[in-house]
Amino acid sequence: GTFDGQNHTIYNMHAVSIKTPKYDVAGFFGSINGTVKNLSFENAVVEGTHYTGVVVGYSSEGRSVISNCHVKGATVTSTYTDEHNDGAKAGGIIGYCVAGDKVSGCSVQDVTITGVRDVGGIAGCAGSSQVLTENSAEGVHIILDQRVVDETETWGFILGRDSGDGVVDVPESNTVSGENTAIELLPDGSSVDLVVGG
């Protein structure tokens, strides 16, 4: 099916994770098998433990589409508890996008995204970098919270991790602008700047 937001804006949404038979998801839509388009969010807060995104937590089936969706002033947090993959896959638009799905013409601005790993401005993780086209990120603030568990540092201002071939190589049609930051929180309470020259 298709959800057409008709260019409306949702203000001050607060979404928390729900448990499905397979995974925990958090977002306006926890999981989709269809199309979401023409929808904006301002000042959203999304809290989960896995598959966490403002628009969608998790896309499935390899035929879902997210297009012309925009997020401004959001806070997205994927928190580690004690289960495998907790704290992973947090994104400004979507937490995890499977290969074959598409995220196109979306944008994030002034967003803070926190997770243990797989943290991205547009998508936390994707089955292929090529699913992301013509998206933009501005003022993205990434926080890798490794105070409790030490995980691989996978993050990016567009995409956090490519779970297919492991190489993040998003198409050049995706753009990053403005002041963007990325830090890692360490067990001793200190932090490390992950942006070269930052």
N, C-alpha and C. Protein backbone atom coordinates (compact mmCIF):
# COMPACT_ATOMS: atom_id res chain seq x y z
N GLY A 1 0.81 -1.19 0.00
CA GLY A 1 0.00 0.00 0.00
C GLY A 1 0.85 1.25 0.00
N THR A 2 0.22 2.41 -0.11
CA THR A 2 0.90 3.70 -0.17
C THR A 2 0.34 4.65 0.87
N PHE A 3 1.22 5.29 1.62
CA PHE A 3 0.83 6.37 2.52
C PHE A 3 1.36 7.66 1.93
N ASP A 4 0.47 8.53 1.48
CA ASP A 4 0.83 9.82 0.90
C ASP A 4 0.50 10.91 1.91
N GLY A 5 1.55 11.54 2.46
CA GLY A 5 1.35 12.60 3.44
C GLY A 5 0.85 13.90 2.87
N GLN A 6 0.80 14.00 1.53
CA GLN A 6 0.28 15.19 0.84
C GLN A 6 0.97 16.46 1.33
N ASN A 7 2.27 16.31 1.61
CA ASN A 7 3.13 17.43 2.01
C ASN A 7 2.75 18.07 3.35
N HIS A 8 2.08 17.31 4.19
CA HIS A 8 1.79 17.78 5.54
C HIS A 8 3.02 17.63 6.43
N THR A 9 3.03 18.36 7.55
CA THR A 9 4.12 18.29 8.53
C THR A 9 3.57 17.81 9.86
N ILE A 10 4.25 16.86 10.47
CA ILE A 10 3.91 16.37 11.80
C ILE A 10 4.89 16.98 12.79
N TYR A 11 4.36 17.67 13.81
CA TYR A 11 5.18 18.35 14.79
C TYR A 11 5.23 17.57 16.11
N ASN A 12 6.43 17.58 16.72
CA ASN A 12 6.61 17.10 18.09
C ASN A 12 6.18 15.64 18.30
N MET A 13 6.38 14.81 17.31
CA MET A 13 6.08 13.39 17.47
C MET A 13 7.04 12.76 18.48
N HIS A 14 6.53 11.89 19.33
CA HIS A 14 7.36 11.12 20.25
C HIS A 14 7.02 9.65 20.05
N ALA A 15 7.96 8.90 19.50
CA ALA A 15 7.73 7.48 19.22
C ALA A 15 8.71 6.64 20.01
N VAL A 16 8.22 5.53 20.57
CA VAL A 16 9.07 4.60 21.30
C VAL A 16 8.94 3.22 20.67
N SER A 17 9.89 2.35 20.96
CA SER A 17 9.94 1.06 20.28
C SER A 17 8.80 0.14 20.69
N ILE A 18 8.40 -0.68 19.73
CA ILE A 18 7.45 -1.76 19.97
C ILE A 18 8.12 -3.06 19.56
N LYS A 19 7.74 -4.15 20.19
CA LYS A 19 8.34 -5.45 19.90
C LYS A 19 7.43 -6.22 18.96
N THR A 20 7.99 -6.65 17.82
CA THR A 20 7.29 -7.53 16.91
C THR A 20 7.83 -8.94 17.14
N PRO A 21 7.23 -9.96 16.51
CA PRO A 21 7.76 -11.32 16.68
C PRO A 21 9.22 -11.47 16.28
N LYS A 22 9.71 -10.59 15.39
CA LYS A 22 11.07 -10.74 14.88
C LYS A 22 12.05 -9.71 15.44
N TYR A 23 11.57 -8.49 15.77
CA TYR A 23 12.50 -7.44 16.15
C TYR A 23 11.78 -6.29 16.83
N ASP A 24 12.58 -5.39 17.43
CA ASP A 24 12.05 -4.15 17.99
C ASP A 24 12.17 -3.05 16.94
N VAL A 25 11.14 -2.25 16.79
CA VAL A 25 11.14 -1.18 15.80
C VAL A 25 10.60 0.10 16.42
N ALA A 26 11.07 1.25 15.93
CA ALA A 26 10.57 2.54 16.42
C ALA A 26 10.57 3.55 15.28
N GLY A 27 9.49 4.29 15.17
CA GLY A 27 9.37 5.32 14.14
C GLY A 27 7.91 5.65 13.93
N PHE A 28 7.63 6.59 13.02
CA PHE A 28 6.24 6.89 12.65
C PHE A 28 5.58 5.60 12.17
N PHE A 29 6.30 4.88 11.30
CA PHE A 29 5.96 3.50 10.97
C PHE A 29 7.06 2.61 11.54
N GLY A 30 6.69 1.63 12.35
CA GLY A 30 7.71 0.72 12.84
C GLY A 30 8.33 -0.07 11.71
N SER A 31 7.48 -0.62 10.84
CA SER A 31 7.95 -1.39 9.70
C SER A 31 7.00 -1.16 8.53
N ILE A 32 7.53 -1.18 7.31
CA ILE A 32 6.67 -1.00 6.14
C ILE A 32 6.95 -2.06 5.08
N ASN A 33 5.93 -2.29 4.30
CA ASN A 33 6.02 -3.10 3.08
C ASN A 33 5.17 -2.38 2.05
N GLY A 34 5.69 -1.23 1.58
CA GLY A 34 4.94 -0.38 0.69
C GLY A 34 5.65 0.94 0.50
N THR A 35 4.89 2.00 0.31
CA THR A 35 5.46 3.32 0.00
C THR A 35 5.01 4.36 1.02
N VAL A 36 5.96 5.19 1.46
CA VAL A 36 5.67 6.37 2.27
C VAL A 36 6.25 7.56 1.53
N LYS A 37 5.44 8.60 1.29
CA LYS A 37 5.93 9.73 0.51
C LYS A 37 5.29 11.04 0.94
N ASN A 38 5.97 12.14 0.61
CA ASN A 38 5.43 13.49 0.76
C ASN A 38 5.01 13.81 2.20
N LEU A 39 5.98 13.64 3.12
CA LEU A 39 5.67 13.84 4.53
C LEU A 39 6.87 14.45 5.24
N SER A 40 6.61 15.41 6.15
CA SER A 40 7.68 16.08 6.89
C SER A 40 7.45 15.95 8.39
N PHE A 41 8.56 16.02 9.12
CA PHE A 41 8.53 15.96 10.58
C PHE A 41 9.40 17.07 11.15
N GLU A 42 8.91 17.72 12.19
CA GLU A 42 9.72 18.71 12.90
C GLU A 42 9.71 18.39 14.39
N ASN A 43 10.92 18.46 14.97
CA ASN A 43 11.12 18.28 16.41
C ASN A 43 10.62 16.92 16.91
N ALA A 44 10.88 15.87 16.14
CA ALA A 44 10.49 14.52 16.55
C ALA A 44 11.50 13.95 17.53
N VAL A 45 11.02 13.10 18.42
CA VAL A 45 11.87 12.32 19.33
C VAL A 45 11.51 10.85 19.14
N VAL A 46 12.51 10.04 18.79
CA VAL A 46 12.28 8.62 18.56
C VAL A 46 13.26 7.83 19.42
N GLU A 47 12.72 6.90 20.21
CA GLU A 47 13.54 6.13 21.14
C GLU A 47 13.29 4.65 20.94
N GLY A 48 14.38 3.90 20.71
CA GLY A 48 14.25 2.47 20.52
C GLY A 48 15.48 1.74 20.99
N THR A 49 15.51 0.45 20.71
CA THR A 49 16.68 -0.36 21.03
C THR A 49 17.28 -1.00 19.78
N HIS A 50 16.56 -0.93 18.64
CA HIS A 50 17.00 -1.57 17.41
C HIS A 50 16.05 -1.11 16.31
N TYR A 51 16.56 -0.89 15.09
CA TYR A 51 15.71 -0.43 13.98
C TYR A 51 14.92 0.82 14.37
N THR A 52 15.63 1.94 14.45
CA THR A 52 15.04 3.18 14.94
C THR A 52 15.22 4.29 13.91
N GLY A 53 14.12 4.88 13.45
CA GLY A 53 14.17 5.98 12.49
C GLY A 53 12.94 6.85 12.64
N VAL A 54 13.03 8.10 12.21
CA VAL A 54 11.88 9.01 12.37
C VAL A 54 10.72 8.56 11.50
N VAL A 55 10.97 8.31 10.23
CA VAL A 55 9.89 7.92 9.31
C VAL A 55 9.56 6.44 9.44
N VAL A 56 10.60 5.60 9.37
CA VAL A 56 10.41 4.15 9.39
C VAL A 56 11.53 3.50 10.20
N GLY A 57 11.18 2.51 11.01
CA GLY A 57 12.21 1.75 11.71
C GLY A 57 12.88 0.73 10.80
N TYR A 58 12.06 -0.02 10.04
CA TYR A 58 12.56 -1.15 9.26
C TYR A 58 11.72 -1.30 8.00
N SER A 59 12.39 -1.44 6.85
CA SER A 59 11.66 -1.73 5.62
C SER A 59 11.86 -3.20 5.26
N SER A 60 10.84 -3.81 4.68
CA SER A 60 10.93 -5.24 4.41
C SER A 60 10.50 -5.58 2.99
N GLU A 61 10.82 -6.78 2.61
CA GLU A 61 10.38 -7.38 1.35
C GLU A 61 11.15 -6.95 0.11
N GLY A 62 11.99 -5.90 0.20
CA GLY A 62 12.76 -5.50 -0.96
C GLY A 62 11.97 -4.77 -2.02
N ARG A 63 10.82 -4.22 -1.64
CA ARG A 63 10.04 -3.44 -2.62
C ARG A 63 9.41 -2.19 -1.99
N SER A 64 9.91 -1.78 -0.85
CA SER A 64 9.39 -0.59 -0.18
C SER A 64 10.09 0.66 -0.69
N VAL A 65 9.39 1.80 -0.61
CA VAL A 65 9.92 3.08 -1.08
C VAL A 65 9.61 4.16 -0.06
N ILE A 66 10.61 4.98 0.26
CA ILE A 66 10.41 6.20 1.04
C ILE A 66 10.88 7.35 0.17
N SER A 67 10.00 8.28 -0.14
CA SER A 67 10.38 9.37 -1.03
C SER A 67 9.80 10.71 -0.57
N ASN A 68 10.57 11.75 -0.79
CA ASN A 68 10.15 13.12 -0.46
C ASN A 68 9.66 13.22 0.98
N CYS A 69 10.44 12.65 1.89
CA CYS A 69 10.17 12.78 3.33
C CYS A 69 11.29 13.58 3.96
N HIS A 70 10.94 14.48 4.87
CA HIS A 70 11.91 15.43 5.40
C HIS A 70 11.82 15.52 6.92
N VAL A 71 12.99 15.57 7.55
CA VAL A 71 13.06 15.59 9.02
C VAL A 71 13.92 16.76 9.46
N LYS A 72 13.39 17.55 10.38
CA LYS A 72 14.12 18.72 10.89
C LYS A 72 14.03 18.75 12.41
N GLY A 73 15.18 18.96 13.06
CA GLY A 73 15.21 19.14 14.50
C GLY A 73 14.87 17.90 15.30
N ALA A 74 15.28 16.73 14.82
CA ALA A 74 14.90 15.48 15.49
C ALA A 74 16.01 14.94 16.39
N THR A 75 15.59 14.12 17.35
CA THR A 75 16.51 13.35 18.18
C THR A 75 16.13 11.88 18.06
N VAL A 76 17.09 11.06 17.62
CA VAL A 76 16.86 9.63 17.43
C VAL A 76 17.86 8.87 18.29
N THR A 77 17.37 7.95 19.12
CA THR A 77 18.25 7.22 20.03
C THR A 77 17.94 5.73 19.99
N SER A 78 18.98 4.93 19.71
CA SER A 78 18.88 3.48 19.80
C SER A 78 19.76 3.04 20.97
N THR A 79 19.14 2.50 22.02
CA THR A 79 19.82 2.25 23.28
C THR A 79 20.19 0.78 23.45
N TYR A 80 21.40 0.55 23.91
CA TYR A 80 21.84 -0.82 24.19
C TYR A 80 21.26 -1.29 25.52
N THR A 81 20.74 -2.53 25.52
CA THR A 81 20.33 -3.14 26.79
C THR A 81 21.28 -4.31 27.04
N ASP A 82 20.89 -5.50 26.65
CA ASP A 82 21.82 -6.63 26.81
C ASP A 82 21.59 -7.72 25.77
N GLU A 83 20.90 -7.37 24.68
CA GLU A 83 20.61 -8.35 23.65
C GLU A 83 21.41 -8.07 22.39
N HIS A 84 21.59 -9.10 21.57
CA HIS A 84 22.34 -8.97 20.32
C HIS A 84 21.72 -7.88 19.45
N ASN A 85 22.58 -7.00 18.94
CA ASN A 85 22.20 -5.92 18.03
C ASN A 85 21.51 -4.75 18.71
N ASP A 86 21.26 -4.80 20.01
CA ASP A 86 20.67 -3.64 20.68
C ASP A 86 21.57 -2.42 20.50
N GLY A 87 20.94 -1.26 20.31
CA GLY A 87 21.69 -0.03 20.14
C GLY A 87 22.15 0.22 18.72
N ALA A 88 21.73 -0.65 17.80
CA ALA A 88 22.18 -0.52 16.41
C ALA A 88 21.07 -0.01 15.50
N LYS A 89 21.49 0.41 14.31
CA LYS A 89 20.58 0.75 13.22
C LYS A 89 19.64 1.90 13.56
N ALA A 90 20.25 3.08 13.73
CA ALA A 90 19.51 4.31 13.99
C ALA A 90 19.76 5.30 12.86
N GLY A 91 18.69 5.85 12.29
CA GLY A 91 18.84 6.79 11.18
C GLY A 91 17.83 7.92 11.24
N GLY A 92 18.16 9.02 10.59
CA GLY A 92 17.27 10.17 10.58
C GLY A 92 15.98 9.92 9.83
N ILE A 93 16.05 9.13 8.76
CA ILE A 93 14.86 8.75 8.00
C ILE A 93 14.43 7.34 8.35
N ILE A 94 15.38 6.38 8.27
CA ILE A 94 15.06 4.98 8.48
C ILE A 94 16.19 4.29 9.24
N GLY A 95 15.82 3.32 10.08
CA GLY A 95 16.84 2.58 10.82
C GLY A 95 17.54 1.56 9.93
N TYR A 96 16.77 0.70 9.26
CA TYR A 96 17.36 -0.31 8.38
C TYR A 96 16.53 -0.43 7.10
N CYS A 97 17.22 -0.34 5.96
CA CYS A 97 16.58 -0.44 4.65
C CYS A 97 17.16 -1.65 3.93
N VAL A 98 16.32 -2.63 3.62
CA VAL A 98 16.82 -3.84 2.98
C VAL A 98 17.19 -3.57 1.53
N ALA A 99 18.03 -4.42 0.97
CA ALA A 99 18.41 -4.31 -0.43
C ALA A 99 17.18 -4.46 -1.31
N GLY A 100 17.09 -3.62 -2.32
CA GLY A 100 15.93 -3.65 -3.20
C GLY A 100 14.91 -2.57 -2.89
N ASP A 101 14.92 -2.05 -1.66
CA ASP A 101 14.07 -0.92 -1.32
C ASP A 101 14.73 0.38 -1.78
N LYS A 102 14.01 1.50 -1.65
CA LYS A 102 14.56 2.78 -2.10
C LYS A 102 14.24 3.89 -1.10
N VAL A 103 15.24 4.74 -0.88
CA VAL A 103 15.05 5.97 -0.12
C VAL A 103 15.55 7.09 -1.02
N SER A 104 14.63 7.94 -1.46
CA SER A 104 15.00 8.92 -2.48
C SER A 104 14.35 10.27 -2.24
N GLY A 105 15.12 11.34 -2.47
CA GLY A 105 14.58 12.68 -2.37
C GLY A 105 14.21 13.08 -0.95
N CYS A 106 14.86 12.47 0.05
CA CYS A 106 14.57 12.78 1.45
C CYS A 106 15.67 13.68 2.02
N SER A 107 15.39 14.33 3.14
CA SER A 107 16.39 15.20 3.75
C SER A 107 16.29 15.18 5.26
N VAL A 108 17.43 15.43 5.90
CA VAL A 108 17.46 15.64 7.35
C VAL A 108 18.23 16.93 7.62
N GLN A 109 17.79 17.65 8.63
CA GLN A 109 18.43 18.91 9.00
C GLN A 109 18.39 19.07 10.51
N ASP A 110 19.55 19.36 11.08
CA ASP A 110 19.66 19.60 12.52
C ASP A 110 19.12 18.41 13.32
N VAL A 111 19.71 17.25 13.11
CA VAL A 111 19.29 16.04 13.81
C VAL A 111 20.44 15.48 14.64
N THR A 112 20.10 14.89 15.77
CA THR A 112 21.08 14.21 16.62
C THR A 112 20.69 12.74 16.69
N ILE A 113 21.63 11.87 16.32
CA ILE A 113 21.34 10.44 16.23
C ILE A 113 22.36 9.68 17.07
N THR A 114 21.86 8.89 18.00
CA THR A 114 22.72 8.17 18.95
C THR A 114 22.50 6.67 18.85
N GLY A 115 23.60 5.92 18.86
CA GLY A 115 23.51 4.47 18.87
C GLY A 115 24.88 3.87 19.14
N VAL A 116 24.91 2.57 19.34
CA VAL A 116 26.17 1.88 19.56
C VAL A 116 26.94 1.74 18.25
N ARG A 117 26.24 1.40 17.18
CA ARG A 117 26.84 1.27 15.85
C ARG A 117 25.74 1.39 14.80
N ASP A 118 26.12 1.39 13.53
CA ASP A 118 25.17 1.53 12.42
C ASP A 118 24.29 2.77 12.61
N VAL A 119 24.94 3.91 12.66
CA VAL A 119 24.25 5.18 12.90
C VAL A 119 24.46 6.08 11.68
N GLY A 120 23.36 6.54 11.05
CA GLY A 120 23.49 7.34 9.84
C GLY A 120 22.48 8.46 9.76
N GLY A 121 22.86 9.54 9.08
CA GLY A 121 21.98 10.69 8.95
C GLY A 121 20.68 10.37 8.24
N ILE A 122 20.77 9.64 7.13
CA ILE A 122 19.57 9.21 6.41
C ILE A 122 19.16 7.81 6.86
N ALA A 123 20.09 6.85 6.76
CA ALA A 123 19.81 5.46 7.13
C ALA A 123 20.90 4.92 8.04
N GLY A 124 20.50 4.22 9.10
CA GLY A 124 21.49 3.61 9.97
C GLY A 124 22.24 2.49 9.28
N CYS A 125 21.49 1.66 8.56
CA CYS A 125 22.08 0.52 7.86
C CYS A 125 21.23 0.23 6.63
N ALA A 126 21.86 -0.28 5.58
CA ALA A 126 21.14 -0.65 4.37
C ALA A 126 21.75 -1.90 3.76
N GLY A 127 20.91 -2.68 3.10
CA GLY A 127 21.40 -3.88 2.44
C GLY A 127 22.30 -3.58 1.26
N SER A 128 22.22 -2.35 0.76
CA SER A 128 23.08 -1.87 -0.31
C SER A 128 23.13 -0.36 -0.26
N SER A 129 24.32 0.21 -0.48
CA SER A 129 24.44 1.67 -0.50
C SER A 129 23.61 2.28 -1.63
N GLN A 130 23.37 1.51 -2.67
CA GLN A 130 22.71 2.03 -3.86
C GLN A 130 21.21 2.28 -3.67
N VAL A 131 20.65 1.87 -2.53
CA VAL A 131 19.22 2.12 -2.29
C VAL A 131 18.96 3.59 -1.98
N LEU A 132 20.03 4.35 -1.69
CA LEU A 132 19.89 5.76 -1.31
C LEU A 132 20.24 6.66 -2.49
N THR A 133 19.30 7.49 -2.93
CA THR A 133 19.56 8.40 -4.05
C THR A 133 18.93 9.75 -3.80
N GLU A 134 19.66 10.80 -4.15
CA GLU A 134 19.16 12.18 -4.13
C GLU A 134 18.64 12.60 -2.77
N ASN A 135 19.32 12.15 -1.72
CA ASN A 135 18.99 12.58 -0.36
C ASN A 135 20.00 13.62 0.11
N SER A 136 19.63 14.40 1.12
CA SER A 136 20.55 15.42 1.63
C SER A 136 20.56 15.43 3.15
N ALA A 137 21.74 15.74 3.68
CA ALA A 137 21.92 15.81 5.13
C ALA A 137 22.64 17.10 5.49
N GLU A 138 22.12 17.81 6.47
CA GLU A 138 22.72 19.07 6.91
C GLU A 138 22.58 19.18 8.42
N GLY A 139 23.68 19.47 9.09
CA GLY A 139 23.63 19.62 10.54
C GLY A 139 23.33 18.32 11.25
N VAL A 140 24.03 17.25 10.84
CA VAL A 140 23.84 15.94 11.47
C VAL A 140 24.86 15.76 12.59
N HIS A 141 24.38 15.32 13.74
CA HIS A 141 25.25 15.11 14.90
C HIS A 141 25.14 13.65 15.33
N ILE A 142 26.22 12.91 15.07
CA ILE A 142 26.27 11.48 15.37
C ILE A 142 26.95 11.26 16.72
N ILE A 143 26.33 10.41 17.54
CA ILE A 143 26.94 10.02 18.83
C ILE A 143 27.00 8.50 18.88
N LEU A 144 28.22 7.96 18.90
CA LEU A 144 28.41 6.53 19.09
C LEU A 144 28.62 6.28 20.58
N ASP A 145 27.63 5.69 21.21
CA ASP A 145 27.67 5.49 22.66
C ASP A 145 28.25 4.11 22.97
N GLN A 146 29.55 4.08 23.28
CA GLN A 146 30.22 2.82 23.56
C GLN A 146 30.69 2.75 25.02
N ARG A 147 29.90 3.40 25.88
CA ARG A 147 30.26 3.40 27.29
C ARG A 147 30.02 2.04 27.95
N VAL A 148 29.09 1.25 27.41
CA VAL A 148 28.76 -0.04 28.02
C VAL A 148 29.32 -1.20 27.21
N VAL A 149 29.25 -1.10 25.89
CA VAL A 149 29.69 -2.19 25.02
C VAL A 149 30.58 -1.63 23.92
N ASP A 150 31.64 -2.36 23.59
CA ASP A 150 32.59 -1.93 22.56
C ASP A 150 32.22 -2.60 21.25
N GLU A 151 31.74 -1.81 20.29
CA GLU A 151 31.34 -2.33 18.98
C GLU A 151 32.13 -1.63 17.88
N THR A 152 32.07 -2.20 16.68
CA THR A 152 32.72 -1.59 15.52
C THR A 152 32.10 -0.22 15.25
N GLU A 153 32.95 0.76 14.97
CA GLU A 153 32.48 2.13 14.74
C GLU A 153 31.96 2.26 13.31
N THR A 154 30.67 2.04 13.13
CA THR A 154 30.06 2.17 11.81
C THR A 154 29.07 3.32 11.84
N TRP A 155 29.37 4.37 11.09
CA TRP A 155 28.52 5.56 11.09
C TRP A 155 28.77 6.35 9.81
N GLY A 156 27.87 7.26 9.50
CA GLY A 156 28.05 8.14 8.35
C GLY A 156 26.97 9.19 8.32
N PHE A 157 27.25 10.31 7.67
CA PHE A 157 26.27 11.39 7.64
C PHE A 157 25.11 11.09 6.69
N ILE A 158 25.32 10.15 5.75
CA ILE A 158 24.23 9.65 4.92
C ILE A 158 23.84 8.24 5.36
N LEU A 159 24.81 7.31 5.34
CA LEU A 159 24.57 5.90 5.67
C LEU A 159 25.58 5.42 6.69
N GLY A 160 25.08 4.70 7.71
CA GLY A 160 25.98 4.19 8.74
C GLY A 160 26.75 2.97 8.33
N ARG A 161 26.06 2.00 7.68
CA ARG A 161 26.72 0.76 7.28
C ARG A 161 25.99 0.11 6.12
N ASP A 162 26.77 -0.46 5.20
CA ASP A 162 26.26 -1.28 4.11
C ASP A 162 26.40 -2.73 4.56
N SER A 163 25.28 -3.40 4.82
CA SER A 163 25.34 -4.77 5.33
C SER A 163 25.48 -5.79 4.20
N GLY A 164 25.51 -5.31 2.95
CA GLY A 164 25.69 -6.20 1.83
C GLY A 164 27.15 -6.57 1.63
N ASP A 165 27.89 -5.68 0.93
CA ASP A 165 29.32 -5.97 0.70
C ASP A 165 30.21 -5.29 1.74
N GLY A 166 29.59 -4.56 2.66
CA GLY A 166 30.37 -3.95 3.74
C GLY A 166 31.04 -2.64 3.39
N VAL A 167 30.92 -2.21 2.14
CA VAL A 167 31.56 -0.97 1.69
C VAL A 167 30.50 0.11 1.50
N VAL A 168 30.61 1.19 2.27
CA VAL A 168 29.67 2.30 2.12
C VAL A 168 30.10 3.14 0.92
N ASP A 169 29.30 3.10 -0.12
CA ASP A 169 29.60 3.80 -1.37
C ASP A 169 28.30 4.37 -1.92
N VAL A 170 27.75 5.37 -1.23
CA VAL A 170 26.47 5.92 -1.64
C VAL A 170 26.63 6.72 -2.94
N PRO A 171 25.61 6.72 -3.79
CA PRO A 171 25.69 7.48 -5.04
C PRO A 171 25.95 8.96 -4.80
N GLU A 172 26.62 9.60 -5.76
CA GLU A 172 26.99 11.00 -5.63
C GLU A 172 25.79 11.93 -5.60
N SER A 173 24.62 11.44 -5.94
CA SER A 173 23.42 12.29 -5.89
C SER A 173 23.02 12.63 -4.46
N ASN A 174 23.56 11.90 -3.48
CA ASN A 174 23.34 12.23 -2.08
C ASN A 174 24.34 13.30 -1.65
N THR A 175 23.88 14.28 -0.88
CA THR A 175 24.77 15.39 -0.52
C THR A 175 24.78 15.64 0.98
N VAL A 176 25.93 16.11 1.45
CA VAL A 176 26.11 16.49 2.85
C VAL A 176 26.59 17.93 2.89
N SER A 177 25.97 18.77 3.72
CA SER A 177 26.37 20.17 3.80
C SER A 177 26.25 20.66 5.24
N GLY A 178 26.73 21.87 5.49
CA GLY A 178 26.62 22.47 6.81
C GLY A 178 27.63 21.89 7.79
N GLU A 179 27.41 22.16 9.06
CA GLU A 179 28.29 21.69 10.12
C GLU A 179 27.76 20.37 10.67
N ASN A 180 28.55 19.32 10.49
CA ASN A 180 28.18 17.99 10.93
C ASN A 180 29.24 17.46 11.88
N THR A 181 28.83 16.74 12.91
CA THR A 181 29.78 16.26 13.90
C THR A 181 29.55 14.78 14.18
N ALA A 182 30.60 14.12 14.67
CA ALA A 182 30.49 12.73 15.10
C ALA A 182 31.45 12.51 16.26
N ILE A 183 30.94 11.99 17.37
CA ILE A 183 31.79 11.71 18.52
C ILE A 183 31.52 10.30 19.04
N GLU A 184 32.51 9.75 19.72
CA GLU A 184 32.36 8.45 20.38
C GLU A 184 32.47 8.65 21.89
N LEU A 185 31.50 8.14 22.63
CA LEU A 185 31.53 8.20 24.09
C LEU A 185 32.23 6.95 24.62
N LEU A 186 33.23 7.14 25.47
CA LEU A 186 34.05 6.04 25.95
C LEU A 186 33.67 5.64 27.38
N PRO A 187 34.04 4.41 27.81
CA PRO A 187 33.67 3.93 29.15
C PRO A 187 34.15 4.81 30.30
N ASP A 188 35.26 5.51 30.11
CA ASP A 188 35.78 6.34 31.20
C ASP A 188 35.10 7.70 31.28
N GLY A 189 34.08 7.91 30.45
CA GLY A 189 33.35 9.16 30.50
C GLY A 189 33.86 10.22 29.54
N SER A 190 34.97 9.96 28.88
CA SER A 190 35.51 10.91 27.92
C SER A 190 34.88 10.67 26.54
N SER A 191 35.23 11.53 25.59
CA SER A 191 34.71 11.40 24.24
C SER A 191 35.83 11.65 23.23
N VAL A 192 35.64 11.08 22.03
CA VAL A 192 36.61 11.24 20.96
C VAL A 192 35.90 11.79 19.73
N ASP A 193 36.51 12.78 19.11
CA ASP A 193 35.99 13.36 17.88
C ASP A 193 36.31 12.42 16.74
N LEU A 194 35.29 11.95 16.01
CA LEU A 194 35.51 11.00 14.94
C LEU A 194 35.67 11.65 13.57
N VAL A 195 35.47 12.95 13.50
CA VAL A 195 35.59 13.65 12.22
C VAL A 195 37.02 14.16 12.08
N VAL A 196 37.71 13.75 11.03
CA VAL A 196 39.09 14.16 10.80
C VAL A 196 39.15 15.67 10.66
N GLY A 197 39.99 16.30 11.46
CA GLY A 197 40.11 17.75 11.40
C GLY A 197 39.07 18.46 12.22
N GLY A 198 38.20 17.68 12.91
CA GLY A 198 37.12 18.28 13.68
C GLY A 198 37.58 18.74 15.06
